[in-house]
Amino acid sequence: MQFDDDAGLDTSEVRDARSGRVPGGRATIGGGIAGLVALVLGLFFGVGPEQLGLSSGDEDPAVAASSQAEVASACRRGSDAATREDCRIVAVVNSVQDYWRAEFQRRQGRYTDARTVLFTGRVGTACGAATSAVGPFYCPADRQVYLDLGFFGELRDRFGARGGPFAQAYVVAHEYGHHVQNLTGVLGRAQDGGTGAGSAAVRVELQADCYAGVWAHHATTTPDEDTGRPLLTELTEEDVLDGLDAAAAVGDDRIQQRYQGRVTPHTWTHGSAEQRQAWFRQGLRTGDTARCDTFR
């Protein structure tokens, strides 16, 4: 995965709160077994902190501003995305939102930007507070994506994914798929969809996988608003395989087999490894959001 070295990065689309957490406070979910349960429940895109009953957290505005300034200083050009993980996330967020702005405009709609919040340990959101154990998530109440970069290590070490830059990009693109669903009303309609292989909850997640694939299809041809050139200049077959591998690693069946020794489809919330890969491929192959209707 290669970005245009000379392209400017827009750090306003990412808020860095990694150094802005006030020590102390209490969260009902932490490490150990409780944290693992939260990770399995919230992992990869869906269950937000309000559904896990997490307590509130606070942020020191002065320290957070300092952390934000550091990212703004370090992440200036596409070349920075090759050397710093946080800059790579900035670049991916920029690319994903470039695509969705253009797509909404093409369909005579209006895309509303969503920021990604980088945090460490615990973060407060309009959906409640969350610990890193929840995994990456999107909060529809404040229209922001929340991500602890340490999750990518968990993805490799606990869930057996091989990782790679595009595995990270897939995670981010999936969360922005939820933002698109929020803007189009899909999240609201499927809010109480229950669990199970055919549930609305699973269909929401699979559609977000498909939307991630649609972005990947167009990523190297969508022009950046400032330069007129694509921010992402190269996406290889190896990159795509990394994304597919990440999707499979967090399929409900893989997680259940690993942590409870059996597969129970009636409790699924995100879909099987095969389903997640299939819908990502669908978006990647067609590049058409209309082909991502997992509710039909």
C-alpha atoms as a PDB file:
ATOM      1  CA  MET A   1       0.000   0.000   0.000  1.00  0.00           C
ATOM      2  CA  GLN A   2       1.615   3.210  -1.194  1.00  0.00           C
ATOM      3  CA  PHE A   3       0.512   6.818  -0.721  1.00  0.00           C
ATOM      4  CA  ASP A   4       1.436   9.814  -2.845  1.00  0.00           C
ATOM      5  CA  ASP A   5       4.613  10.995  -1.101  1.00  0.00           C
ATOM      6  CA  ASP A   6       3.982  14.644  -1.924  1.00  0.00           C
ATOM      7  CA  ALA A   7       0.280  14.779  -1.044  1.00  0.00           C
ATOM      8  CA  GLY A   8      -0.659  16.831   1.989  1.00  0.00           C
ATOM      9  CA  LEU A   9      -2.389  15.064   4.891  1.00  0.00           C
ATOM     10  CA  ASP A  10      -5.389  16.610   6.616  1.00  0.00           C
ATOM     11  CA  THR A  11      -4.853  15.916  10.319  1.00  0.00           C
ATOM     12  CA  SER A  12      -8.091  17.739  11.220  1.00  0.00           C
ATOM     13  CA  GLU A  13      -9.913  14.517  10.330  1.00  0.00           C
ATOM     14  CA  VAL A  14      -8.157  12.698  13.193  1.00  0.00           C
ATOM     15  CA  ARG A  15      -8.202  13.737  16.844  1.00  0.00           C
ATOM     16  CA  ASP A  16      -5.329  12.440  18.949  1.00  0.00           C
ATOM     17  CA  ALA A  17      -6.454  11.857  22.525  1.00  0.00           C
ATOM     18  CA  ARG A  18      -3.756   9.312  23.385  1.00  0.00           C
ATOM     19  CA  SER A  19      -2.117  11.542  26.010  1.00  0.00           C
ATOM     20  CA  GLY A  20      -5.284  13.208  27.181  1.00  0.00           C
ATOM     21  CA  ARG A  21      -6.595  10.688  29.700  1.00  0.00           C
ATOM     22  CA  VAL A  22      -6.834  11.706  33.344  1.00  0.00           C
ATOM     23  CA  PRO A  23      -5.292   9.033  35.608  1.00  0.00           C
ATOM     24  CA  GLY A  24      -7.652   7.244  37.947  1.00  0.00           C
ATOM     25  CA  GLY A  25     -11.380   6.866  37.512  1.00  0.00           C
ATOM     26  CA  ARG A  26     -13.158   3.559  37.224  1.00  0.00           C
ATOM     27  CA  ALA A  27     -14.275   1.441  34.310  1.00  0.00           C
ATOM     28  CA  THR A  28     -16.438  -1.609  34.828  1.00  0.00           C
ATOM     29  CA  ILE A  29     -14.520  -3.498  32.123  1.00  0.00           C
ATOM     30  CA  GLY A  30     -10.781  -3.796  32.309  1.00  0.00           C
ATOM     31  CA  GLY A  31      -8.173  -6.471  31.793  1.00  0.00           C
ATOM     32  CA  GLY A  32      -8.309 -10.184  32.421  1.00  0.00           C
ATOM     33  CA  ILE A  33     -11.408 -12.259  31.644  1.00  0.00           C
ATOM     34  CA  ALA A  34     -13.761  -9.279  31.719  1.00  0.00           C
ATOM     35  CA  GLY A  35     -11.628  -7.398  29.249  1.00  0.00           C
ATOM     36  CA  LEU A  36     -11.403 -10.413  26.979  1.00  0.00           C
ATOM     37  CA  VAL A  37     -15.178 -10.820  27.013  1.00  0.00           C
ATOM     38  CA  ALA A  38     -15.562  -7.164  26.096  1.00  0.00           C
ATOM     39  CA  LEU A  39     -13.028  -7.548  23.314  1.00  0.00           C
ATOM     40  CA  VAL A  40     -14.864 -10.552  21.876  1.00  0.00           C
ATOM     41  CA  LEU A  41     -18.240  -8.790  22.170  1.00  0.00           C
ATOM     42  CA  GLY A  42     -17.140  -5.453  20.809  1.00  0.00           C
ATOM     43  CA  LEU A  43     -14.335  -6.639  18.598  1.00  0.00           C
ATOM     44  CA  PHE A  44     -14.251  -5.348  15.199  1.00  0.00           C
ATOM     45  CA  PHE A  45     -16.881  -3.081  14.491  1.00  0.00           C
ATOM     46  CA  GLY A  46     -20.177  -2.980  16.098  1.00  0.00           C
ATOM     47  CA  VAL A  47     -20.939  -3.257  19.759  1.00  0.00           C
ATOM     48  CA  GLY A  48     -20.374   0.191  21.198  1.00  0.00           C
ATOM     49  CA  PRO A  49     -19.540   1.035  24.803  1.00  0.00           C
ATOM     50  CA  GLU A  50     -23.134   1.981  25.640  1.00  0.00           C
ATOM     51  CA  GLN A  51     -24.076  -1.668  25.105  1.00  0.00           C
ATOM     52  CA  LEU A  52     -21.376  -2.855  27.501  1.00  0.00           C
ATOM     53  CA  GLY A  53     -22.307  -0.611  30.424  1.00  0.00           C
ATOM     54  CA  LEU A  54     -18.949   1.118  30.733  1.00  0.00           C
ATOM     55  CA  SER A  55     -18.387   3.987  33.125  1.00  0.00           C
ATOM     56  CA  SER A  56     -17.415   7.532  32.190  1.00  0.00           C
ATOM     57  CA  GLY A  57     -13.904   8.883  31.574  1.00  0.00           C
ATOM     58  CA  ASP A  58     -12.369  12.335  31.455  1.00  0.00           C
ATOM     59  CA  GLU A  59      -9.798  14.027  29.291  1.00  0.00           C
ATOM     60  CA  ASP A  60      -7.311  16.768  30.097  1.00  0.00           C
ATOM     61  CA  PRO A  61      -7.851  19.368  27.322  1.00  0.00           C
ATOM     62  CA  ALA A  62      -4.357  20.867  27.640  1.00  0.00           C
ATOM     63  CA  VAL A  63      -2.574  17.529  27.318  1.00  0.00           C
ATOM     64  CA  ALA A  64      -4.886  16.423  24.501  1.00  0.00           C
ATOM     65  CA  ALA A  65      -4.125  19.633  22.601  1.00  0.00           C
ATOM     66  CA  SER A  66      -0.402  18.956  22.938  1.00  0.00           C
ATOM     67  CA  SER A  67      -0.843  15.429  21.580  1.00  0.00           C
ATOM     68  CA  GLN A  68      -2.925  16.741  18.679  1.00  0.00           C
ATOM     69  CA  ALA A  69      -0.265  19.286  17.840  1.00  0.00           C
ATOM     70  CA  GLU A  70       2.370  16.548  17.682  1.00  0.00           C
ATOM     71  CA  VAL A  71       0.373  14.598  15.093  1.00  0.00           C
ATOM     72  CA  ALA A  72      -0.279  17.775  13.089  1.00  0.00           C
ATOM     73  CA  SER A  73       3.463  18.451  13.064  1.00  0.00           C
ATOM     74  CA  ALA A  74       4.566  14.896  12.245  1.00  0.00           C
ATOM     75  CA  CYS A  75       1.919  13.910   9.697  1.00  0.00           C
ATOM     76  CA  ARG A  76       2.280  16.449   6.912  1.00  0.00           C
ATOM     77  CA  ARG A  77       2.830  14.440   3.723  1.00  0.00           C
ATOM     78  CA  GLY A  78       1.940  11.076   2.287  1.00  0.00           C
ATOM     79  CA  SER A  79       5.546  10.019   2.773  1.00  0.00           C
ATOM     80  CA  ASP A  80       5.000  10.258   6.544  1.00  0.00           C
ATOM     81  CA  ALA A  81       2.418   7.454   6.297  1.00  0.00           C
ATOM     82  CA  ALA A  82       5.235   5.060   5.406  1.00  0.00           C
ATOM     83  CA  THR A  83       7.152   5.719   8.618  1.00  0.00           C
ATOM     84  CA  ARG A  84       4.527   6.383  11.319  1.00  0.00           C
ATOM     85  CA  GLU A  85       1.479   4.293  12.140  1.00  0.00           C
ATOM     86  CA  ASP A  86      -0.604   7.265  13.283  1.00  0.00           C
ATOM     87  CA  CYS A  87       0.227   9.116  10.054  1.00  0.00           C
ATOM     88  CA  ARG A  88      -0.864   6.059   8.099  1.00  0.00           C
ATOM     89  CA  ILE A  89      -4.233   6.168   9.869  1.00  0.00           C
ATOM     90  CA  VAL A  90      -4.540   9.868   8.975  1.00  0.00           C
ATOM     91  CA  ALA A  91      -3.832   9.035   5.329  1.00  0.00           C
ATOM     92  CA  VAL A  92      -6.347   6.187   5.261  1.00  0.00           C
ATOM     93  CA  VAL A  93      -9.038   8.350   6.882  1.00  0.00           C
ATOM     94  CA  ASN A  94      -8.354  11.081   4.314  1.00  0.00           C
ATOM     95  CA  SER A  95      -8.606   8.581   1.446  1.00  0.00           C
ATOM     96  CA  VAL A  96     -11.770   6.920   2.736  1.00  0.00           C
ATOM     97  CA  GLN A  97     -13.537  10.229   3.220  1.00  0.00           C
ATOM     98  CA  ASP A  98     -12.378  11.520  -0.169  1.00  0.00           C
ATOM     99  CA  TYR A  99     -14.178   8.561  -1.709  1.00  0.00           C
ATOM    100  CA  TRP A 100     -17.403   8.882   0.271  1.00  0.00           C
ATOM    101  CA  ARG A 101     -17.651  12.632  -0.354  1.00  0.00           C
ATOM    102  CA  ALA A 102     -17.391  11.982  -4.093  1.00  0.00           C
ATOM    103  CA  GLU A 103     -19.814   9.067  -3.964  1.00  0.00           C
ATOM    104  CA  PHE A 104     -22.475  10.993  -2.039  1.00  0.00           C
ATOM    105  CA  GLN A 105     -22.093  13.927  -4.415  1.00  0.00           C
ATOM    106  CA  ARG A 106     -22.441  11.608  -7.413  1.00  0.00           C
ATOM    107  CA  ARG A 107     -25.732  10.388  -5.936  1.00  0.00           C
ATOM    108  CA  GLN A 108     -26.917  13.948  -5.227  1.00  0.00           C
ATOM    109  CA  GLY A 109     -26.413  13.464  -1.505  1.00  0.00           C
ATOM    110  CA  ARG A 110     -24.293  15.222   1.087  1.00  0.00           C
ATOM    111  CA  TYR A 111     -21.615  13.424   3.034  1.00  0.00           C
ATOM    112  CA  THR A 112     -20.896  14.640   6.563  1.00  0.00           C
ATOM    113  CA  ASP A 113     -17.311  14.121   7.721  1.00  0.00           C
ATOM    114  CA  ALA A 114     -16.546  11.912  10.700  1.00  0.00           C
ATOM    115  CA  ARG A 115     -13.354  12.200  12.729  1.00  0.00           C
ATOM    116  CA  THR A 116     -11.298   9.292  13.990  1.00  0.00           C
ATOM    117  CA  VAL A 117     -10.244   9.596  17.619  1.00  0.00           C
ATOM    118  CA  LEU A 118      -6.994   7.891  18.592  1.00  0.00           C
ATOM    119  CA  PHE A 119      -6.891   6.944  22.259  1.00  0.00           C
ATOM    120  CA  THR A 120      -5.021   4.777  24.721  1.00  0.00           C
ATOM    121  CA  GLY A 121      -6.613   2.839  27.547  1.00  0.00           C
ATOM    122  CA  ARG A 122      -9.934   4.616  27.984  1.00  0.00           C
ATOM    123  CA  VAL A 123     -11.951   7.255  26.161  1.00  0.00           C
ATOM    124  CA  GLY A 124     -15.165   9.175  26.730  1.00  0.00           C
ATOM    125  CA  THR A 125     -17.718   9.302  23.910  1.00  0.00           C
ATOM    126  CA  ALA A 126     -21.280  10.475  23.374  1.00  0.00           C
ATOM    127  CA  CYS A 127     -22.229   6.781  23.530  1.00  0.00           C
ATOM    128  CA  GLY A 128     -20.605   6.347  26.960  1.00  0.00           C
ATOM    129  CA  ALA A 129     -17.030   5.604  27.944  1.00  0.00           C
ATOM    130  CA  ALA A 130     -15.003   2.725  26.596  1.00  0.00           C
ATOM    131  CA  THR A 131     -11.790   0.906  27.347  1.00  0.00           C
ATOM    132  CA  SER A 132      -9.403  -0.403  24.724  1.00  0.00           C
ATOM    133  CA  ALA A 133     -10.880  -3.862  25.351  1.00  0.00           C
ATOM    134  CA  VAL A 134     -13.906  -2.919  23.267  1.00  0.00           C
ATOM    135  CA  GLY A 135     -11.834  -2.767  20.103  1.00  0.00           C
ATOM    136  CA  PRO A 136     -12.394  -0.217  17.311  1.00  0.00           C
ATOM    137  CA  PHE A 137     -15.924   1.174  17.165  1.00  0.00           C
ATOM    138  CA  TYR A 138     -18.118   3.879  15.686  1.00  0.00           C
ATOM    139  CA  CYS A 139     -20.356   6.012  17.896  1.00  0.00           C
ATOM    140  CA  PRO A 140     -23.425   7.231  15.975  1.00  0.00           C
ATOM    141  CA  ALA A 141     -24.285   9.776  18.671  1.00  0.00           C
ATOM    142  CA  ASP A 142     -21.172  11.889  18.011  1.00  0.00           C
ATOM    143  CA  ARG A 143     -20.387  10.512  14.537  1.00  0.00           C
ATOM    144  CA  GLN A 144     -16.814   9.595  15.385  1.00  0.00           C
ATOM    145  CA  VAL A 145     -14.665   6.487  14.963  1.00  0.00           C
ATOM    146  CA  TYR A 146     -12.630   5.421  18.005  1.00  0.00           C
ATOM    147  CA  LEU A 147      -9.391   3.479  17.719  1.00  0.00           C
ATOM    148  CA  ASP A 148      -6.617   2.394  20.061  1.00  0.00           C
ATOM    149  CA  LEU A 149      -3.646   1.610  17.829  1.00  0.00           C
ATOM    150  CA  GLY A 150      -2.689  -1.185  20.221  1.00  0.00           C
ATOM    151  CA  PHE A 151      -5.605  -3.146  18.754  1.00  0.00           C
ATOM    152  CA  PHE A 152      -3.555  -4.024  15.695  1.00  0.00           C
ATOM    153  CA  GLY A 153      -1.107  -5.898  17.905  1.00  0.00           C
ATOM    154  CA  GLU A 154      -4.048  -7.780  19.458  1.00  0.00           C
ATOM    155  CA  LEU A 155      -5.269  -8.635  15.980  1.00  0.00           C
ATOM    156  CA  ARG A 156      -1.972 -10.342  15.236  1.00  0.00           C
ATOM    157  CA  ASP A 157      -1.089 -11.825  18.605  1.00  0.00           C
ATOM    158  CA  ARG A 158      -4.476 -12.974  19.930  1.00  0.00           C
ATOM    159  CA  PHE A 159      -6.451 -13.577  16.782  1.00  0.00           C
ATOM    160  CA  GLY A 160      -3.755 -14.876  14.463  1.00  0.00           C
ATOM    161  CA  ALA A 161      -4.081 -12.304  11.685  1.00  0.00           C
ATOM    162  CA  ARG A 162      -0.895 -11.662   9.778  1.00  0.00           C
ATOM    163  CA  GLY A 163      -1.383  -7.902   9.964  1.00  0.00           C
ATOM    164  CA  GLY A 164       0.077  -5.398   7.551  1.00  0.00           C
ATOM    165  CA  PRO A 165      -0.796  -1.800   6.640  1.00  0.00           C
ATOM    166  CA  PHE A 166      -3.846  -2.738   4.600  1.00  0.00           C
ATOM    167  CA  ALA A 167      -5.256  -4.841   7.430  1.00  0.00           C
ATOM    168  CA  GLN A 168      -5.257  -1.584   9.384  1.00  0.00           C
ATOM    169  CA  ALA A 169      -6.840   0.258   6.471  1.00  0.00           C
ATOM    170  CA  TYR A 170      -9.578  -2.374   6.273  1.00  0.00           C
ATOM    171  CA  VAL A 171     -10.431  -1.803   9.939  1.00  0.00           C
ATOM    172  CA  VAL A 172     -10.716   1.951   9.418  1.00  0.00           C
ATOM    173  CA  ALA A 173     -12.706   1.609   6.188  1.00  0.00           C
ATOM    174  CA  HIS A 174     -15.137  -0.779   7.882  1.00  0.00           C
ATOM    175  CA  GLU A 175     -15.810   1.714  10.670  1.00  0.00           C
ATOM    176  CA  TYR A 176     -16.482   4.432   8.109  1.00  0.00           C
ATOM    177  CA  GLY A 177     -18.897   1.985   6.514  1.00  0.00           C
ATOM    178  CA  HIS A 178     -20.872   2.261   9.751  1.00  0.00           C
ATOM    179  CA  HIS A 179     -20.763   6.046   9.431  1.00  0.00           C
ATOM    180  CA  VAL A 180     -22.248   5.770   5.953  1.00  0.00           C
ATOM    181  CA  GLN A 181     -24.945   3.483   7.362  1.00  0.00           C
ATOM    182  CA  ASN A 182     -25.676   6.079  10.004  1.00  0.00           C
ATOM    183  CA  LEU A 183     -26.024   8.829   7.393  1.00  0.00           C
ATOM    184  CA  THR A 184     -28.322   6.694   5.239  1.00  0.00           C
ATOM    185  CA  GLY A 185     -30.487   5.499   8.141  1.00  0.00           C
ATOM    186  CA  VAL A 186     -29.481   1.831   8.047  1.00  0.00           C
ATOM    187  CA  LEU A 187     -28.073   1.812  11.589  1.00  0.00           C
ATOM    188  CA  GLY A 188     -31.294   3.200  13.031  1.00  0.00           C
ATOM    189  CA  ARG A 189     -33.462   0.641  11.264  1.00  0.00           C
ATOM    190  CA  ALA A 190     -31.303  -2.266  12.412  1.00  0.00           C
ATOM    191  CA  GLN A 191     -30.643  -1.123  15.982  1.00  0.00           C
ATOM    192  CA  ASP A 192     -32.617  -3.908  17.694  1.00  0.00           C
ATOM    193  CA  GLY A 193     -31.810  -6.658  15.266  1.00  0.00           C
ATOM    194  CA  GLY A 194     -30.957  -9.362  17.809  1.00  0.00           C
ATOM    195  CA  THR A 195     -28.254 -11.956  17.186  1.00  0.00           C
ATOM    196  CA  GLY A 196     -27.765 -14.923  14.902  1.00  0.00           C
ATOM    197  CA  ALA A 197     -26.375 -15.705  11.482  1.00  0.00           C
ATOM    198  CA  GLY A 198     -29.297 -14.040   9.701  1.00  0.00           C
ATOM    199  CA  SER A 199     -29.838 -11.180  12.140  1.00  0.00           C
ATOM    200  CA  ALA A 200     -29.913  -7.493  11.282  1.00  0.00           C
ATOM    201  CA  ALA A 201     -26.810  -7.043  13.450  1.00  0.00           C
ATOM    202  CA  VAL A 202     -24.832  -9.432  11.245  1.00  0.00           C
ATOM    203  CA  ARG A 203     -26.214  -7.859   8.065  1.00  0.00           C
ATOM    204  CA  VAL A 204     -25.067  -4.425   9.264  1.00  0.00           C
ATOM    205  CA  GLU A 205     -21.538  -5.703   9.838  1.00  0.00           C
ATOM    206  CA  LEU A 206     -21.348  -7.512   6.514  1.00  0.00           C
ATOM    207  CA  GLN A 207     -22.544  -4.418   4.690  1.00  0.00           C
ATOM    208  CA  ALA A 208     -19.784  -2.396   6.369  1.00  0.00           C
ATOM    209  CA  ASP A 209     -17.304  -5.026   5.142  1.00  0.00           C
ATOM    210  CA  CYS A 210     -18.687  -4.605   1.635  1.00  0.00           C
ATOM    211  CA  TYR A 211     -18.403  -0.813   1.881  1.00  0.00           C
ATOM    212  CA  ALA A 212     -14.756  -1.236   2.906  1.00  0.00           C
ATOM    213  CA  GLY A 213     -14.233  -3.252  -0.264  1.00  0.00           C
ATOM    214  CA  VAL A 214     -15.968  -0.592  -2.366  1.00  0.00           C
ATOM    215  CA  TRP A 215     -13.563   2.036  -1.026  1.00  0.00           C
ATOM    216  CA  ALA A 216     -10.607  -0.236  -1.787  1.00  0.00           C
ATOM    217  CA  HIS A 217     -11.884  -0.662  -5.359  1.00  0.00           C
ATOM    218  CA  HIS A 218     -11.866   3.101  -5.931  1.00  0.00           C
ATOM    219  CA  ALA A 219      -9.024   4.157  -3.613  1.00  0.00           C
ATOM    220  CA  THR A 220      -6.328   4.437  -6.268  1.00  0.00           C
ATOM    221  CA  THR A 221      -8.549   6.419  -8.657  1.00  0.00           C
ATOM    222  CA  THR A 222     -10.400   8.789  -6.313  1.00  0.00           C
ATOM    223  CA  PRO A 223      -8.770  12.232  -6.589  1.00  0.00           C
ATOM    224  CA  ASP A 224      -7.736  14.121  -3.507  1.00  0.00           C
ATOM    225  CA  GLU A 225      -9.683  17.374  -3.205  1.00  0.00           C
ATOM    226  CA  ASP A 226      -6.512  19.482  -2.943  1.00  0.00           C
ATOM    227  CA  THR A 227      -4.117  17.856  -5.410  1.00  0.00           C
ATOM    228  CA  GLY A 228      -6.542  16.283  -7.861  1.00  0.00           C
ATOM    229  CA  ARG A 229      -4.460  13.096  -7.641  1.00  0.00           C
ATOM    230  CA  PRO A 230      -5.352   9.924  -5.714  1.00  0.00           C
ATOM    231  CA  LEU A 231      -3.863   9.931  -2.218  1.00  0.00           C
ATOM    232  CA  LEU A 232      -3.459   6.142  -2.352  1.00  0.00           C
ATOM    233  CA  THR A 233      -1.370   5.331  -5.409  1.00  0.00           C
ATOM    234  CA  GLU A 234      -0.848   1.577  -5.153  1.00  0.00           C
ATOM    235  CA  LEU A 235      -2.815  -1.335  -3.717  1.00  0.00           C
ATOM    236  CA  THR A 236      -1.324  -4.753  -4.370  1.00  0.00           C
ATOM    237  CA  GLU A 237      -2.807  -8.233  -4.324  1.00  0.00           C
ATOM    238  CA  GLU A 238      -0.738  -8.864  -1.190  1.00  0.00           C
ATOM    239  CA  ASP A 239      -2.428  -5.882   0.471  1.00  0.00           C
ATOM    240  CA  VAL A 240      -5.851  -7.258  -0.394  1.00  0.00           C
ATOM    241  CA  LEU A 241      -4.902 -10.657   1.035  1.00  0.00           C
ATOM    242  CA  ASP A 242      -3.905  -8.942   4.293  1.00  0.00           C
ATOM    243  CA  GLY A 243      -7.334  -7.341   4.453  1.00  0.00           C
ATOM    244  CA  LEU A 244      -9.115 -10.615   3.743  1.00  0.00           C
ATOM    245  CA  ASP A 245      -7.014 -12.352   6.370  1.00  0.00           C
ATOM    246  CA  ALA A 246      -7.974  -9.727   8.963  1.00  0.00           C
ATOM    247  CA  ALA A 247     -11.660 -10.120   8.071  1.00  0.00           C
ATOM    248  CA  ALA A 248     -11.464 -13.884   8.529  1.00  0.00           C
ATOM    249  CA  ALA A 249      -9.543 -13.665  11.807  1.00  0.00           C
ATOM    250  CA  VAL A 250     -12.413 -11.845  13.474  1.00  0.00           C
ATOM    251  CA  GLY A 251     -15.270 -13.884  12.068  1.00  0.00           C
ATOM    252  CA  ASP A 252     -17.658 -14.974  14.815  1.00  0.00           C
ATOM    253  CA  ASP A 253     -16.979 -18.642  14.132  1.00  0.00           C
ATOM    254  CA  ARG A 254     -13.190 -18.210  14.403  1.00  0.00           C
ATOM    255  CA  ILE A 255     -13.467 -16.250  17.657  1.00  0.00           C
ATOM    256  CA  GLN A 256     -15.931 -18.707  19.196  1.00  0.00           C
ATOM    257  CA  GLN A 257     -13.879 -21.742  18.238  1.00  0.00           C
ATOM    258  CA  ARG A 258     -10.746 -20.153  19.683  1.00  0.00           C
ATOM    259  CA  TYR A 259     -12.237 -18.999  22.985  1.00  0.00           C
ATOM    260  CA  GLN A 260     -15.104 -21.367  23.754  1.00  0.00           C
ATOM    261  CA  GLY A 261     -14.141 -24.440  21.749  1.00  0.00           C
ATOM    262  CA  ARG A 262     -17.386 -24.570  19.758  1.00  0.00           C
ATOM    263  CA  VAL A 263     -19.339 -22.504  17.237  1.00  0.00           C
ATOM    264  CA  THR A 264     -22.791 -21.189  18.156  1.00  0.00           C
ATOM    265  CA  PRO A 265     -24.300 -19.380  15.133  1.00  0.00           C
ATOM    266  CA  HIS A 266     -27.397 -18.235  17.043  1.00  0.00           C
ATOM    267  CA  THR A 267     -25.185 -15.839  19.035  1.00  0.00           C
ATOM    268  CA  TRP A 268     -23.371 -14.306  16.067  1.00  0.00           C
ATOM    269  CA  THR A 269     -23.218 -10.514  15.801  1.00  0.00           C
ATOM    270  CA  HIS A 270     -20.703  -9.984  12.973  1.00  0.00           C
ATOM    271  CA  GLY A 271     -20.841 -12.987  10.657  1.00  0.00           C
ATOM    272  CA  SER A 272     -18.575 -15.903   9.884  1.00  0.00           C
ATOM    273  CA  ALA A 273     -15.060 -15.635   8.497  1.00  0.00           C
ATOM    274  CA  GLU A 274     -16.328 -16.818   5.122  1.00  0.00           C
ATOM    275  CA  GLN A 275     -19.168 -14.290   5.068  1.00  0.00           C
ATOM    276  CA  ARG A 276     -16.926 -11.391   6.002  1.00  0.00           C
ATOM    277  CA  GLN A 277     -14.424 -12.237   3.303  1.00  0.00           C
ATOM    278  CA  ALA A 278     -17.177 -12.778   0.722  1.00  0.00           C
ATOM    279  CA  TRP A 279     -18.776  -9.379   1.314  1.00  0.00           C
ATOM    280  CA  PHE A 280     -15.447  -7.557   1.336  1.00  0.00           C
ATOM    281  CA  ARG A 281     -14.665  -9.240  -1.991  1.00  0.00           C
ATOM    282  CA  GLN A 282     -18.096  -8.246  -3.314  1.00  0.00           C
ATOM    283  CA  GLY A 283     -17.373  -4.577  -2.693  1.00  0.00           C
ATOM    284  CA  LEU A 284     -13.820  -4.845  -3.976  1.00  0.00           C
ATOM    285  CA  ARG A 285     -14.859  -6.637  -7.175  1.00  0.00           C
ATOM    286  CA  THR A 286     -17.837  -4.471  -8.110  1.00  0.00           C
ATOM    287  CA  GLY A 287     -16.984  -1.079  -6.610  1.00  0.00           C
ATOM    288  CA  ASP A 288     -20.747  -0.561  -6.405  1.00  0.00           C
ATOM    289  CA  THR A 289     -22.514   0.344  -3.156  1.00  0.00           C
ATOM    290  CA  ALA A 290     -25.775  -0.958  -4.614  1.00  0.00           C
ATOM    291  CA  ARG A 291     -24.221  -4.426  -4.615  1.00  0.00           C
ATOM    292  CA  CYS A 292     -23.763  -4.222  -0.845  1.00  0.00           C
ATOM    293  CA  ASP A 293     -27.415  -4.776   0.071  1.00  0.00           C
ATOM    294  CA  THR A 294     -26.974  -7.479   2.696  1.00  0.00           C
ATOM    295  CA  PHE A 295     -30.615  -7.062   3.769  1.00  0.00           C
ATOM    296  CA  ARG A 296     -32.064  -8.493   0.530  1.00  0.00           C
END
